[in-house]
Protein backbone atom coordinates (compact mmCIF):
# COMPACT_ATOMS: atom_id res chain seq x y z
CA MET A 1 119.29 117.16 100.14
CA LYS A 2 122.21 114.76 100.51
CA TYR A 3 121.67 111.02 100.36
CA SER A 4 123.50 107.79 99.69
CA PHE A 5 122.65 104.19 98.89
CA GLY A 6 124.24 100.91 99.79
CA THR A 7 123.67 97.26 100.59
CA ASP A 8 123.73 95.25 103.77
CA LYS A 9 123.56 91.56 104.53
CA ILE A 10 120.78 90.49 106.85
CA VAL A 11 119.99 87.11 108.39
CA ASP A 12 117.07 85.36 106.75
CA PRO A 13 114.29 85.23 109.39
CA MET A 14 113.21 81.80 108.12
CA ASN A 15 116.71 80.30 108.20
CA SER A 16 119.35 81.78 110.49
CA ASN A 17 122.09 80.01 108.49
CA LYS A 18 121.30 82.10 105.41
CA THR A 19 121.85 85.78 104.70
CA ARG A 20 120.55 87.98 101.94
CA ASP A 21 121.53 91.34 100.54
CA VAL A 22 119.18 94.29 100.97
CA ALA A 23 119.44 97.79 99.55
CA TYR A 24 119.28 100.77 101.88
CA ILE A 25 119.05 104.53 101.60
CA SER A 26 120.58 107.07 103.98
CA LEU A 27 119.60 110.72 104.12
CA ASP A 28 121.61 113.44 105.83
CA ASP A 29 119.50 115.48 108.26
CA HIS A 30 116.64 113.02 107.80
CA GLU A 31 114.91 114.30 110.96
CA LYS A 32 114.10 117.65 109.33
CA TYR A 33 111.84 115.86 106.82
CA GLY A 34 109.75 114.09 109.44
CA GLU A 35 110.15 111.01 111.59
CA PHE A 36 108.95 108.51 108.95
CA PHE A 37 110.24 110.19 105.77
CA ILE A 38 113.08 107.78 105.08
CA ASP A 39 110.88 104.76 105.90
CA GLU A 40 108.28 105.93 103.40
CA ILE A 41 110.90 106.21 100.65
CA ARG A 42 112.64 102.96 101.58
CA ASN A 43 109.40 100.96 101.48
CA LEU A 44 108.19 102.06 98.05
CA LYS A 45 108.00 99.01 95.78
CA LEU A 46 109.99 99.34 92.57
CA ASP A 47 106.94 99.31 90.25
CA TYR A 48 105.29 102.08 92.27
CA LEU A 49 108.57 103.99 92.41
CA LYS A 50 108.83 103.83 88.61
CA LEU A 51 105.31 105.23 88.31
CA ILE A 52 106.03 108.04 90.78
CA VAL A 53 109.22 109.06 88.94
CA SER A 54 107.44 109.09 85.58
CA GLN A 55 104.65 111.27 87.03
CA LEU A 56 107.16 113.66 88.61
CA GLU A 57 108.87 113.92 85.22
CA LYS A 58 105.50 114.89 83.71
CA LEU A 59 105.13 117.46 86.46
CA GLN A 60 108.53 118.94 85.63
CA THR A 61 107.69 119.15 81.92
CA VAL A 62 104.31 120.77 82.70
CA GLU A 63 102.26 117.87 81.29
CA ILE A 64 100.44 117.78 84.64
CA SER A 65 100.09 120.47 87.31
CA GLN A 66 99.92 118.39 90.50
CA TYR A 67 100.76 114.88 91.66
CA ASP A 68 100.50 113.20 95.03
CA PHE A 69 101.65 109.82 96.22
CA GLY A 70 102.26 107.99 99.47
CA PHE A 71 102.91 104.68 101.13
CA GLU A 72 101.62 104.42 104.71
CA VAL A 73 102.08 107.43 106.95
CA TYR A 74 102.99 110.25 104.58
CA ASN A 75 101.38 111.75 101.53
CA PHE A 76 103.65 113.72 99.20
CA ASP A 77 101.63 116.50 97.57
CA CYS A 78 103.71 117.93 94.73
CA THR A 79 103.32 120.87 92.40
CA ARG A 80 105.96 121.85 89.87
CA GLU A 81 107.75 124.04 92.43
CA LYS A 82 107.30 122.40 95.83
CA CYS A 83 106.37 119.18 97.53
CA LYS A 84 104.53 119.13 100.85
CA VAL A 85 105.14 116.10 103.04
CA LEU A 86 101.89 115.49 104.91
CA ASN A 87 101.50 113.20 107.92
CA THR A 88 98.18 111.43 107.35
CA LEU A 89 98.11 109.97 110.87
CA GLU A 90 98.32 113.39 112.49
CA GLY A 91 95.51 115.18 110.66
CA TRP A 92 97.50 115.79 107.48
CA LYS A 93 100.07 117.84 109.39
CA VAL A 94 102.73 119.38 107.13
CA GLU A 95 106.02 117.75 108.17
CA CYS A 96 108.06 119.79 105.70
CA GLU A 97 108.09 121.45 102.31
CA LEU A 98 110.89 120.90 99.85
CA PRO A 99 111.55 121.65 96.21
CA THR A 100 109.87 119.09 93.97
CA GLU A 101 113.13 118.85 92.04
CA ASP A 102 114.81 117.51 95.22
CA ILE A 103 112.25 114.76 95.79
CA TYR A 104 112.32 113.94 92.08
CA ARG A 105 116.11 113.53 92.08
CA LEU A 106 116.03 111.43 95.26
CA LEU A 107 113.36 109.08 93.91
CA ARG A 108 114.89 108.87 90.43
CA ASP A 109 118.29 107.98 91.88
CA TRP A 110 116.75 105.48 94.33
CA ARG A 111 114.81 103.87 91.45
CA ASP A 112 117.98 103.61 89.36
CA TYR A 113 119.91 102.17 92.31
CA LEU A 114 117.22 99.54 92.94
CA ILE A 115 117.07 98.56 89.28
CA ASN A 116 120.84 98.07 89.27
CA PHE A 117 120.68 96.23 92.62
CA GLU A 118 117.99 93.84 91.35
CA THR A 119 119.88 93.24 88.08
CA THR A 120 123.14 92.55 89.90
CA LYS A 121 121.42 90.32 92.46
CA SER A 122 119.83 88.25 89.66
CA SER A 123 123.13 87.69 87.87
């Protein structure tokens, strides 16, 4: 799984004379993970993302045997070895399966990027 992060400037919808920076995530071959995969990851709030990463760490260290999380359309059902991406709007259809380590790394790195982004933005 290859991904990258960055920032863009967008026009403030309340004041077209103002712009603001937003963080974004890009994922190579995103279509193989399901149509809404990247949106699900992008829209996780930082506090929830921190919780997810800590639970996935517990999963990797065998403190727990299963963990699932989701935002709107997808549910990520993870065991220590693999993570099923389930589409809740289409009868819990399996969009893909990937190593839990891959989703953990993606979310950990996204969390760290957002923390840095928020810290830099506040300075």
